[in-house]
Amino acid sequence: MVQKIKKLVYSKTAMDSLIVLGGSGFSSLFGFIFVIIVANQMGPEDFGIYSTLINYVVFLSAVVDLGVSFSLVRFVQDSES
């Protein structure tokens, strides 16, 4: 049982997951610091406009995607088989 756990912890999938998790954490920290700096430089009214524009872009990117990324993953997976 210990051997299985050790093999799982040191697997390529676990290492890749750790890299993705670390990158996500770094990105979140950097985004948090960026928002604080931008908010201090712009002021409340300008930051509200900036925040609204960013939220519209994020919303539109989710709507425009419409499952294309999922379909692309399935297509690549099927083509490798």
C-alpha atoms as a PDB file:
ATOM      1  CA  MET A   1       0.000   0.000   0.000  1.00  0.00           C
ATOM      2  CA  VAL A   2       2.824   2.416   0.869  1.00  0.00           C
ATOM      3  CA  GLN A   3       4.518   1.561  -2.439  1.00  0.00           C
ATOM      4  CA  LYS A   4       1.345   2.419  -4.366  1.00  0.00           C
ATOM      5  CA  ILE A   5       1.006   5.765  -2.597  1.00  0.00           C
ATOM      6  CA  LYS A   6       4.670   6.567  -3.177  1.00  0.00           C
ATOM      7  CA  LYS A   7       4.348   5.644  -6.843  1.00  0.00           C
ATOM      8  CA  LEU A   8       1.251   7.839  -7.151  1.00  0.00           C
ATOM      9  CA  VAL A   9       2.871  10.836  -5.429  1.00  0.00           C
ATOM     10  CA  TYR A  10       5.964  10.710  -7.656  1.00  0.00           C
ATOM     11  CA  SER A  11       4.066  10.034 -10.885  1.00  0.00           C
ATOM     12  CA  LYS A  12       4.280  12.321 -13.912  1.00  0.00           C
ATOM     13  CA  THR A  13       0.618  13.253 -13.492  1.00  0.00           C
ATOM     14  CA  ALA A  14       1.165  14.365  -9.888  1.00  0.00           C
ATOM     15  CA  MET A  15       4.193  16.446 -10.886  1.00  0.00           C
ATOM     16  CA  ASP A  16       2.294  18.069 -13.760  1.00  0.00           C
ATOM     17  CA  SER A  17      -0.624  18.802 -11.438  1.00  0.00           C
ATOM     18  CA  LEU A  18       1.745  20.400  -8.942  1.00  0.00           C
ATOM     19  CA  ILE A  19       3.181  22.638 -11.671  1.00  0.00           C
ATOM     20  CA  VAL A  20      -0.305  23.705 -12.785  1.00  0.00           C
ATOM     21  CA  LEU A  21      -1.340  24.368  -9.177  1.00  0.00           C
ATOM     22  CA  GLY A  22       1.791  26.431  -8.537  1.00  0.00           C
ATOM     23  CA  GLY A  23       1.251  28.442 -11.720  1.00  0.00           C
ATOM     24  CA  SER A  24      -2.359  29.081 -10.813  1.00  0.00           C
ATOM     25  CA  GLY A  25      -1.366  30.246  -7.339  1.00  0.00           C
ATOM     26  CA  PHE A  26       1.320  32.555  -8.761  1.00  0.00           C
ATOM     27  CA  SER A  27      -1.148  33.961 -11.285  1.00  0.00           C
ATOM     28  CA  SER A  28      -3.746  34.614  -8.573  1.00  0.00           C
ATOM     29  CA  LEU A  29      -1.198  36.337  -6.336  1.00  0.00           C
ATOM     30  CA  PHE A  30       0.085  38.466  -9.213  1.00  0.00           C
ATOM     31  CA  GLY A  31      -3.495  39.410 -10.188  1.00  0.00           C
ATOM     32  CA  PHE A  32      -4.332  40.372  -6.611  1.00  0.00           C
ATOM     33  CA  ILE A  33      -1.275  42.629  -6.345  1.00  0.00           C
ATOM     34  CA  PHE A  34      -2.001  44.118  -9.787  1.00  0.00           C
ATOM     35  CA  VAL A  35      -5.587  45.017  -8.823  1.00  0.00           C
ATOM     36  CA  ILE A  36      -4.398  46.756  -5.649  1.00  0.00           C
ATOM     37  CA  ILE A  37      -1.820  48.801  -7.562  1.00  0.00           C
ATOM     38  CA  VAL A  38      -4.242  49.713 -10.356  1.00  0.00           C
ATOM     39  CA  ALA A  39      -6.993  50.665  -7.894  1.00  0.00           C
ATOM     40  CA  ASN A  40      -4.622  52.978  -6.025  1.00  0.00           C
ATOM     41  CA  GLN A  41      -3.429  54.646  -9.230  1.00  0.00           C
ATOM     42  CA  MET A  42      -6.829  55.102 -10.901  1.00  0.00           C
ATOM     43  CA  GLY A  43      -9.204  56.077  -8.148  1.00  0.00           C
ATOM     44  CA  PRO A  44     -12.669  54.645  -7.481  1.00  0.00           C
ATOM     45  CA  GLU A  45     -14.527  55.971 -10.540  1.00  0.00           C
ATOM     46  CA  ASP A  46     -11.899  54.989 -13.126  1.00  0.00           C
ATOM     47  CA  PHE A  47     -11.323  51.617 -11.472  1.00  0.00           C
ATOM     48  CA  GLY A  48     -15.059  50.910 -11.682  1.00  0.00           C
ATOM     49  CA  ILE A  49     -14.971  51.523 -15.437  1.00  0.00           C
ATOM     50  CA  TYR A  50     -11.842  49.366 -15.778  1.00  0.00           C
ATOM     51  CA  SER A  51     -13.387  46.571 -13.724  1.00  0.00           C
ATOM     52  CA  THR A  52     -16.606  46.667 -15.754  1.00  0.00           C
ATOM     53  CA  LEU A  53     -14.714  46.424 -19.046  1.00  0.00           C
ATOM     54  CA  ILE A  54     -12.607  43.498 -17.805  1.00  0.00           C
ATOM     55  CA  ASN A  55     -15.736  41.657 -16.629  1.00  0.00           C
ATOM     56  CA  TYR A  56     -17.424  42.171 -20.010  1.00  0.00           C
ATOM     57  CA  VAL A  57     -14.377  40.768 -21.798  1.00  0.00           C
ATOM     58  CA  VAL A  58     -14.305  37.711 -19.531  1.00  0.00           C
ATOM     59  CA  PHE A  59     -18.039  37.147 -20.027  1.00  0.00           C
ATOM     60  CA  LEU A  60     -17.812  37.521 -23.795  1.00  0.00           C
ATOM     61  CA  SER A  61     -14.860  35.147 -24.013  1.00  0.00           C
ATOM     62  CA  ALA A  62     -16.877  32.506 -22.162  1.00  0.00           C
ATOM     63  CA  VAL A  63     -19.874  33.011 -24.458  1.00  0.00           C
ATOM     64  CA  VAL A  64     -17.801  33.025 -27.669  1.00  0.00           C
ATOM     65  CA  ASP A  65     -15.969  29.828 -26.678  1.00  0.00           C
ATOM     66  CA  LEU A  66     -19.208  27.794 -26.778  1.00  0.00           C
ATOM     67  CA  GLY A  67     -17.431  24.521 -26.068  1.00  0.00           C
ATOM     68  CA  VAL A  68     -14.753  24.900 -28.748  1.00  0.00           C
ATOM     69  CA  SER A  69     -11.964  24.122 -26.277  1.00  0.00           C
ATOM     70  CA  PHE A  70     -13.714  20.929 -25.148  1.00  0.00           C
ATOM     71  CA  SER A  71     -14.273  19.895 -28.754  1.00  0.00           C
ATOM     72  CA  LEU A  72     -10.632  20.569 -29.575  1.00  0.00           C
ATOM     73  CA  VAL A  73      -9.480  18.347 -26.723  1.00  0.00           C
ATOM     74  CA  ARG A  74     -11.778  15.554 -27.915  1.00  0.00           C
ATOM     75  CA  PHE A  75     -10.583  15.977 -31.508  1.00  0.00           C
ATOM     76  CA  VAL A  76      -6.903  15.768 -30.529  1.00  0.00           C
ATOM     77  CA  GLN A  77      -7.586  12.783 -28.300  1.00  0.00           C
ATOM     78  CA  ASP A  78      -9.419  10.948 -31.103  1.00  0.00           C
ATOM     79  CA  SER A  79      -6.736  11.749 -33.671  1.00  0.00           C
ATOM     80  CA  GLU A  80      -3.951  10.301 -31.488  1.00  0.00           C
ATOM     81  CA  SER A  81      -5.769   6.981 -31.034  1.00  0.00           C
END
